[in-house]
Amino acid sequence: MNTLSIREAILAALVSVAPEIDPDEVGDDTDLREEYDLDSFDYMNFLTGIQTRCGVLISEADAGKMLTVGKCVKFVEKRK
């Protein structure tokens, strides 16, 4: 996976839990939980979607650090 495909997979995971989000309008530094009002359940489903789409394991310790698309992309890149 390259950076673009990782970003697309992350955005697809986000839209799967919050279909009202336009992925073209999501910035790399936008706080996803705050900007899109994701509750804990939606956020965990989002992270599960990243794990499934990108083939990475996200620990509980890492989950709290993945608040933006940019941070998610960097996390996946380091593990691929």
PDB file of N, CA and C in Angstrom:
ATOM      1  N   MET A   1       0.840  -1.184   0.000  1.00  0.00           N
ATOM      2  CA  MET A   1       0.000   0.000   0.000  1.00  0.00           C
ATOM      3  C   MET A   1       0.886   1.248   0.000  1.00  0.00           C
ATOM      4  N   ASN A   2       0.520   2.196  -0.830  1.00  0.00           N
ATOM      5  CA  ASN A   2       1.222   3.468  -0.814  1.00  0.00           C
ATOM      6  C   ASN A   2       0.419   4.472   0.025  1.00  0.00           C
ATOM      7  N   THR A   3       0.976   5.653   0.201  1.00  0.00           N
ATOM      8  CA  THR A   3       0.332   6.656   1.051  1.00  0.00           C
ATOM      9  C   THR A   3      -1.078   6.987   0.586  1.00  0.00           C
ATOM     10  N   LEU A   4      -1.272   7.125  -0.709  1.00  0.00           N
ATOM     11  CA  LEU A   4      -2.592   7.466  -1.237  1.00  0.00           C
ATOM     12  C   LEU A   4      -3.606   6.357  -0.964  1.00  0.00           C
ATOM     13  N   SER A   5      -3.224   5.121  -1.191  1.00  0.00           N
ATOM     14  CA  SER A   5      -4.165   4.018  -0.953  1.00  0.00           C
ATOM     15  C   SER A   5      -4.453   3.842   0.535  1.00  0.00           C
ATOM     16  N   ILE A   6      -3.477   4.114   1.384  1.00  0.00           N
ATOM     17  CA  ILE A   6      -3.698   4.059   2.832  1.00  0.00           C
ATOM     18  C   ILE A   6      -4.697   5.135   3.233  1.00  0.00           C
ATOM     19  N   ARG A   7      -4.494   6.340   2.719  1.00  0.00           N
ATOM     20  CA  ARG A   7      -5.406   7.450   3.041  1.00  0.00           C
ATOM     21  C   ARG A   7      -6.830   7.127   2.568  1.00  0.00           C
ATOM     22  N   GLU A   8      -6.949   6.579   1.375  1.00  0.00           N
ATOM     23  CA  GLU A   8      -8.269   6.221   0.847  1.00  0.00           C
ATOM     24  C   GLU A   8      -8.936   5.156   1.714  1.00  0.00           C
ATOM     25  N   ALA A   9      -8.162   4.180   2.173  1.00  0.00           N
ATOM     26  CA  ALA A   9      -8.708   3.130   3.038  1.00  0.00           C
ATOM     27  C   ALA A   9      -9.165   3.706   4.374  1.00  0.00           C
ATOM     28  N   ILE A  10      -8.408   4.634   4.913  1.00  0.00           N
ATOM     29  CA  ILE A  10      -8.772   5.269   6.182  1.00  0.00           C
ATOM     30  C   ILE A  10     -10.045   6.093   6.013  1.00  0.00           C
ATOM     31  N   LEU A  11     -10.127   6.838   4.935  1.00  0.00           N
ATOM     32  CA  LEU A  11     -11.334   7.630   4.683  1.00  0.00           C
ATOM     33  C   LEU A  11     -12.543   6.728   4.451  1.00  0.00           C
ATOM     34  N   ALA A  12     -12.349   5.596   3.784  1.00  0.00           N
ATOM     35  CA  ALA A  12     -13.444   4.644   3.582  1.00  0.00           C
ATOM     36  C   ALA A  12     -13.924   4.098   4.928  1.00  0.00           C
ATOM     37  N   ALA A  13     -12.994   3.830   5.836  1.00  0.00           N
ATOM     38  CA  ALA A  13     -13.364   3.362   7.174  1.00  0.00           C
ATOM     39  C   ALA A  13     -14.145   4.442   7.915  1.00  0.00           C
ATOM     40  N   LEU A  14     -13.749   5.684   7.739  1.00  0.00           N
ATOM     41  CA  LEU A  14     -14.441   6.793   8.391  1.00  0.00           C
ATOM     42  C   LEU A  14     -15.861   6.951   7.853  1.00  0.00           C
ATOM     43  N   VAL A  15     -16.000   6.926   6.547  1.00  0.00           N
ATOM     44  CA  VAL A  15     -17.317   7.089   5.927  1.00  0.00           C
ATOM     45  C   VAL A  15     -18.225   5.903   6.253  1.00  0.00           C
ATOM     46  N   SER A  16     -17.649   4.739   6.497  1.00  0.00           N
ATOM     47  CA  SER A  16     -18.478   3.581   6.832  1.00  0.00           C
ATOM     48  C   SER A  16     -19.178   3.753   8.181  1.00  0.00           C
ATOM     49  N   VAL A  17     -18.581   4.535   9.088  1.00  0.00           N
ATOM     50  CA  VAL A  17     -19.221   4.774  10.385  1.00  0.00           C
ATOM     51  C   VAL A  17     -19.957   6.112  10.442  1.00  0.00           C
ATOM     52  N   ALA A  18     -19.623   6.997   9.522  1.00  0.00           N
ATOM     53  CA  ALA A  18     -20.277   8.307   9.475  1.00  0.00           C
ATOM     54  C   ALA A  18     -20.511   8.688   8.009  1.00  0.00           C
ATOM     55  N   PRO A  19     -21.536   8.107   7.395  1.00  0.00           N
ATOM     56  CA  PRO A  19     -21.765   8.288   5.956  1.00  0.00           C
ATOM     57  C   PRO A  19     -22.054   9.728   5.537  1.00  0.00           C
ATOM     58  N   GLU A  20     -22.383  10.573   6.474  1.00  0.00           N
ATOM     59  CA  GLU A  20     -22.647  11.965   6.131  1.00  0.00           C
ATOM     60  C   GLU A  20     -21.372  12.764   5.853  1.00  0.00           C
ATOM     61  N   ILE A  21     -20.221  12.200   6.155  1.00  0.00           N
ATOM     62  CA  ILE A  21     -18.945  12.885   5.948  1.00  0.00           C
ATOM     63  C   ILE A  21     -18.545  12.811   4.478  1.00  0.00           C
ATOM     64  N   ASP A  22     -18.150  13.948   3.934  1.00  0.00           N
ATOM     65  CA  ASP A  22     -17.614  14.009   2.576  1.00  0.00           C
ATOM     66  C   ASP A  22     -16.104  13.811   2.682  1.00  0.00           C
ATOM     67  N   PRO A  23     -15.573  12.686   2.212  1.00  0.00           N
ATOM     68  CA  PRO A  23     -14.145  12.408   2.387  1.00  0.00           C
ATOM     69  C   PRO A  23     -13.236  13.439   1.717  1.00  0.00           C
ATOM     70  N   ASP A  24     -13.741  14.128   0.696  1.00  0.00           N
ATOM     71  CA  ASP A  24     -12.942  15.146   0.020  1.00  0.00           C
ATOM     72  C   ASP A  24     -12.736  16.382   0.888  1.00  0.00           C
ATOM     73  N   GLU A  25     -13.521  16.520   1.937  1.00  0.00           N
ATOM     74  CA  GLU A  25     -13.421  17.695   2.802  1.00  0.00           C
ATOM     75  C   GLU A  25     -12.684  17.432   4.104  1.00  0.00           C
ATOM     76  N   VAL A  26     -12.207  16.202   4.299  1.00  0.00           N
ATOM     77  CA  VAL A  26     -11.513  15.848   5.536  1.00  0.00           C
ATOM     78  C   VAL A  26     -10.033  16.189   5.401  1.00  0.00           C
ATOM     79  N   GLY A  27      -9.567  17.099   6.255  1.00  0.00           N
ATOM     80  CA  GLY A  27      -8.149  17.470   6.244  1.00  0.00           C
ATOM     81  C   GLY A  27      -7.315  16.482   7.032  1.00  0.00           C
ATOM     82  N   ASP A  28      -6.041  16.443   6.730  1.00  0.00           N
ATOM     83  CA  ASP A  28      -5.146  15.506   7.414  1.00  0.00           C
ATOM     84  C   ASP A  28      -4.981  15.821   8.896  1.00  0.00           C
ATOM     85  N   ASP A  29      -5.199  17.076   9.290  1.00  0.00           N
ATOM     86  CA  ASP A  29      -4.996  17.474  10.679  1.00  0.00           C
ATOM     87  C   ASP A  29      -6.298  17.717  11.437  1.00  0.00           C
ATOM     88  N   THR A  30      -7.424  17.371  10.837  1.00  0.00           N
ATOM     89  CA  THR A  30      -8.716  17.557  11.486  1.00  0.00           C
ATOM     90  C   THR A  30      -8.901  16.523  12.592  1.00  0.00           C
ATOM     91  N   ASP A  31      -9.258  16.976  13.790  1.00  0.00           N
ATOM     92  CA  ASP A  31      -9.543  16.058  14.888  1.00  0.00           C
ATOM     93  C   ASP A  31     -10.875  15.371  14.579  1.00  0.00           C
ATOM     94  N   LEU A  32     -10.821  14.111  14.229  1.00  0.00           N
ATOM     95  CA  LEU A  32     -11.998  13.388  13.742  1.00  0.00           C
ATOM     96  C   LEU A  32     -13.094  13.270  14.793  1.00  0.00           C
ATOM     97  N   ARG A  33     -12.724  12.982  16.014  1.00  0.00           N
ATOM     98  CA  ARG A  33     -13.746  12.816  17.060  1.00  0.00           C
ATOM     99  C   ARG A  33     -14.441  14.131  17.357  1.00  0.00           C
ATOM    100  N   GLU A  34     -13.670  15.203  17.376  1.00  0.00           N
ATOM    101  CA  GLU A  34     -14.245  16.502  17.711  1.00  0.00           C
ATOM    102  C   GLU A  34     -15.014  17.109  16.534  1.00  0.00           C
ATOM    103  N   GLU A  35     -14.415  17.117  15.369  1.00  0.00           N
ATOM    104  CA  GLU A  35     -15.021  17.754  14.197  1.00  0.00           C
ATOM    105  C   GLU A  35     -16.290  17.037  13.731  1.00  0.00           C
ATOM    106  N   TYR A  36     -16.263  15.706  13.784  1.00  0.00           N
ATOM    107  CA  TYR A  36     -17.383  14.927  13.255  1.00  0.00           C
ATOM    108  C   TYR A  36     -18.220  14.280  14.351  1.00  0.00           C
ATOM    109  N   ASP A  37     -17.968  14.663  15.582  1.00  0.00           N
ATOM    110  CA  ASP A  37     -18.764  14.217  16.721  1.00  0.00           C
ATOM    111  C   ASP A  37     -18.901  12.692  16.779  1.00  0.00           C
ATOM    112  N   LEU A  38     -17.769  12.003  16.616  1.00  0.00           N
ATOM    113  CA  LEU A  38     -17.777  10.546  16.708  1.00  0.00           C
ATOM    114  C   LEU A  38     -17.807  10.140  18.180  1.00  0.00           C
ATOM    115  N   ASP A  39     -18.757   9.308  18.543  1.00  0.00           N
ATOM    116  CA  ASP A  39     -18.767   8.809  19.919  1.00  0.00           C
ATOM    117  C   ASP A  39     -17.785   7.642  20.024  1.00  0.00           C
ATOM    118  N   SER A  40     -17.644   7.103  21.205  1.00  0.00           N
ATOM    119  CA  SER A  40     -16.675   6.020  21.442  1.00  0.00           C
ATOM    120  C   SER A  40     -16.935   4.811  20.556  1.00  0.00           C
ATOM    121  N   PHE A  41     -18.195   4.464  20.400  1.00  0.00           N
ATOM    122  CA  PHE A  41     -18.561   3.306  19.586  1.00  0.00           C
ATOM    123  C   PHE A  41     -18.183   3.537  18.122  1.00  0.00           C
ATOM    124  N   ASP A  42     -18.523   4.704  17.588  1.00  0.00           N
ATOM    125  CA  ASP A  42     -18.162   5.024  16.196  1.00  0.00           C
ATOM    126  C   ASP A  42     -16.653   5.041  16.011  1.00  0.00           C
ATOM    127  N   TYR A  43     -15.945   5.610  16.975  1.00  0.00           N
ATOM    128  CA  TYR A  43     -14.491   5.697  16.878  1.00  0.00           C
ATOM    129  C   TYR A  43     -13.861   4.305  16.870  1.00  0.00           C
ATOM    130  N   MET A  44     -14.343   3.421  17.732  1.00  0.00           N
ATOM    131  CA  MET A  44     -13.802   2.061  17.762  1.00  0.00           C
ATOM    132  C   MET A  44     -14.133   1.321  16.464  1.00  0.00           C
ATOM    133  N   ASN A  45     -15.327   1.529  15.919  1.00  0.00           N
ATOM    134  CA  ASN A  45     -15.665   0.921  14.624  1.00  0.00           C
ATOM    135  C   ASN A  45     -14.786   1.481  13.507  1.00  0.00           C
ATOM    136  N   PHE A  46     -14.474   2.754  13.572  1.00  0.00           N
ATOM    137  CA  PHE A  46     -13.559   3.378  12.615  1.00  0.00           C
ATOM    138  C   PHE A  46     -12.181   2.709  12.686  1.00  0.00           C
ATOM    139  N   LEU A  47     -11.657   2.534  13.895  1.00  0.00           N
ATOM    140  CA  LEU A  47     -10.347   1.898  14.051  1.00  0.00           C
ATOM    141  C   LEU A  47     -10.377   0.438  13.596  1.00  0.00           C
ATOM    142  N   THR A  48     -11.456  -0.250  13.874  1.00  0.00           N
ATOM    143  CA  THR A  48     -11.605  -1.630  13.411  1.00  0.00           C
ATOM    144  C   THR A  48     -11.609  -1.672  11.880  1.00  0.00           C
ATOM    145  N   GLY A  49     -12.256  -0.697  11.271  1.00  0.00           N
ATOM    146  CA  GLY A  49     -12.261  -0.599   9.809  1.00  0.00           C
ATOM    147  C   GLY A  49     -10.862  -0.397   9.247  1.00  0.00           C
ATOM    148  N   ILE A  50     -10.062   0.410   9.919  1.00  0.00           N
ATOM    149  CA  ILE A  50      -8.667   0.608   9.482  1.00  0.00           C
ATOM    150  C   ILE A  50      -7.911  -0.709   9.585  1.00  0.00           C
ATOM    151  N   GLN A  51      -8.087  -1.409  10.693  1.00  0.00           N
ATOM    152  CA  GLN A  51      -7.396  -2.694  10.869  1.00  0.00           C
ATOM    153  C   GLN A  51      -7.752  -3.653   9.743  1.00  0.00           C
ATOM    154  N   THR A  52      -9.032  -3.728   9.414  1.00  0.00           N
ATOM    155  CA  THR A  52      -9.501  -4.647   8.383  1.00  0.00           C
ATOM    156  C   THR A  52      -9.001  -4.238   7.002  1.00  0.00           C
ATOM    157  N   ARG A  53      -9.136  -2.965   6.675  1.00  0.00           N
ATOM    158  CA  ARG A  53      -8.776  -2.493   5.332  1.00  0.00           C
ATOM    159  C   ARG A  53      -7.272  -2.450   5.097  1.00  0.00           C
ATOM    160  N   CYS A  54      -6.506  -2.180   6.165  1.00  0.00           N
ATOM    161  CA  CYS A  54      -5.064  -1.992   6.007  1.00  0.00           C
ATOM    162  C   CYS A  54      -4.235  -3.162   6.517  1.00  0.00           C
ATOM    163  N   GLY A  55      -4.871  -4.098   7.196  1.00  0.00           N
ATOM    164  CA  GLY A  55      -4.143  -5.275   7.678  1.00  0.00           C
ATOM    165  C   GLY A  55      -3.151  -4.973   8.780  1.00  0.00           C
ATOM    166  N   VAL A  56      -3.514  -4.049   9.668  1.00  0.00           N
ATOM    167  CA  VAL A  56      -2.654  -3.716  10.799  1.00  0.00           C
ATOM    168  C   VAL A  56      -3.427  -3.957  12.084  1.00  0.00           C
ATOM    169  N   LEU A  57      -2.694  -4.114  13.165  1.00  0.00           N
ATOM    170  CA  LEU A  57      -3.301  -4.272  14.481  1.00  0.00           C
ATOM    171  C   LEU A  57      -3.108  -2.970  15.241  1.00  0.00           C
ATOM    172  N   ILE A  58      -4.179  -2.428  15.778  1.00  0.00           N
ATOM    173  CA  ILE A  58      -4.115  -1.176  16.538  1.00  0.00           C
ATOM    174  C   ILE A  58      -4.337  -1.519  18.005  1.00  0.00           C
ATOM    175  N   SER A  59      -3.309  -1.293  18.805  1.00  0.00           N
ATOM    176  CA  SER A  59      -3.426  -1.579  20.241  1.00  0.00           C
ATOM    177  C   SER A  59      -4.256  -0.495  20.911  1.00  0.00           C
ATOM    178  N   GLU A  60      -4.691  -0.798  22.108  1.00  0.00           N
ATOM    179  CA  GLU A  60      -5.473   0.177  22.872  1.00  0.00           C
ATOM    180  C   GLU A  60      -4.647   1.432  23.136  1.00  0.00           C
ATOM    181  N   ALA A  61      -3.366   1.260  23.384  1.00  0.00           N
ATOM    182  CA  ALA A  61      -2.484   2.408  23.632  1.00  0.00           C
ATOM    183  C   ALA A  61      -2.357   3.284  22.389  1.00  0.00           C
ATOM    184  N   ASP A  62      -2.284   2.661  21.219  1.00  0.00           N
ATOM    185  CA  ASP A  62      -2.163   3.422  19.970  1.00  0.00           C
ATOM    186  C   ASP A  62      -3.476   4.066  19.558  1.00  0.00           C
ATOM    187  N   ALA A  63      -4.594   3.462  19.927  1.00  0.00           N
ATOM    188  CA  ALA A  63      -5.909   3.954  19.509  1.00  0.00           C
ATOM    189  C   ALA A  63      -6.138   5.398  19.932  1.00  0.00           C
ATOM    190  N   GLY A  64      -5.695   5.765  21.098  1.00  0.00           N
ATOM    191  CA  GLY A  64      -5.881   7.116  21.597  1.00  0.00           C
ATOM    192  C   GLY A  64      -5.054   8.160  20.892  1.00  0.00           C
ATOM    193  N   LYS A  65      -4.074   7.736  20.117  1.00  0.00           N
ATOM    194  CA  LYS A  65      -3.192   8.665  19.404  1.00  0.00           C
ATOM    195  C   LYS A  65      -3.644   8.917  17.970  1.00  0.00           C
ATOM    196  N   MET A  66      -4.588   8.149  17.493  1.00  0.00           N
ATOM    197  CA  MET A  66      -4.977   8.202  16.079  1.00  0.00           C
ATOM    198  C   MET A  66      -6.205   9.093  15.899  1.00  0.00           C
ATOM    199  N   LEU A  67      -6.024  10.373  16.149  1.00  0.00           N
ATOM    200  CA  LEU A  67      -7.145  11.305  16.155  1.00  0.00           C
ATOM    201  C   LEU A  67      -7.342  12.045  14.847  1.00  0.00           C
ATOM    202  N   THR A  68      -6.382  11.948  13.947  1.00  0.00           N
ATOM    203  CA  THR A  68      -6.491  12.615  12.651  1.00  0.00           C
ATOM    204  C   THR A  68      -6.178  11.627  11.536  1.00  0.00           C
ATOM    205  N   VAL A  69      -6.591  11.955  10.328  1.00  0.00           N
ATOM    206  CA  VAL A  69      -6.265  11.100   9.182  1.00  0.00           C
ATOM    207  C   VAL A  69      -4.756  11.033   8.995  1.00  0.00           C
ATOM    208  N   GLY A  70      -4.087  12.165   9.158  1.00  0.00           N
ATOM    209  CA  GLY A  70      -2.628  12.191   9.005  1.00  0.00           C
ATOM    210  C   GLY A  70      -1.933  11.255   9.973  1.00  0.00           C
ATOM    211  N   LYS A  71      -2.370  11.250  11.226  1.00  0.00           N
ATOM    212  CA  LYS A  71      -1.765  10.361  12.225  1.00  0.00           C
ATOM    213  C   LYS A  71      -2.073   8.901  11.908  1.00  0.00           C
ATOM    214  N   CYS A  72      -3.269   8.646  11.413  1.00  0.00           N
ATOM    215  CA  CYS A  72      -3.639   7.279  11.031  1.00  0.00           C
ATOM    216  C   CYS A  72      -2.774   6.792   9.876  1.00  0.00           C
ATOM    217  N   VAL A  73      -2.566   7.644   8.885  1.00  0.00           N
ATOM    218  CA  VAL A  73      -1.747   7.278   7.728  1.00  0.00           C
ATOM    219  C   VAL A  73      -0.332   6.955   8.187  1.00  0.00           C
ATOM    220  N   LYS A  74       0.260   7.805   9.021  1.00  0.00           N
ATOM    221  CA  LYS A  74       1.623   7.562   9.503  1.00  0.00           C
ATOM    222  C   LYS A  74       1.717   6.261  10.298  1.00  0.00           C
ATOM    223  N   PHE A  75       0.695   5.993  11.110  1.00  0.00           N
ATOM    224  CA  PHE A  75       0.669   4.762  11.892  1.00  0.00           C
ATOM    225  C   PHE A  75       0.690   3.547  10.956  1.00  0.00           C
ATOM    226  N   VAL A  76      -0.180   3.547   9.956  1.00  0.00           N
ATOM    227  CA  VAL A  76      -0.250   2.403   9.036  1.00  0.00           C
ATOM    228  C   VAL A  76       1.041   2.280   8.237  1.00  0.00           C
ATOM    229  N   GLU A  77       1.576   3.387   7.769  1.00  0.00           N
ATOM    230  CA  GLU A  77       2.831   3.343   7.001  1.00  0.00           C
ATOM    231  C   GLU A  77       3.962   2.703   7.781  1.00  0.00           C
ATOM    232  N   LYS A  78       4.058   2.996   9.063  1.00  0.00           N
ATOM    233  CA  LYS A  78       5.121   2.431   9.898  1.00  0.00           C
ATOM    234  C   LYS A  78       4.964   0.930  10.079  1.00  0.00           C
ATOM    235  N   ARG A  79       3.743   0.417   9.956  1.00  0.00           N
ATOM    236  CA  ARG A  79       3.491  -0.999  10.196  1.00  0.00           C
ATOM    237  C   ARG A  79       3.367  -1.834   8.928  1.00  0.00           C
ATOM    238  N   LYS A  80       3.465  -1.211   7.784  1.00  0.00           N
ATOM    239  CA  LYS A  80       3.371  -1.946   6.520  1.00  0.00           C
ATOM    240  C   LYS A  80       4.754  -2.238   5.982  1.00  0.00           C
TER     241      LYS A  80
END
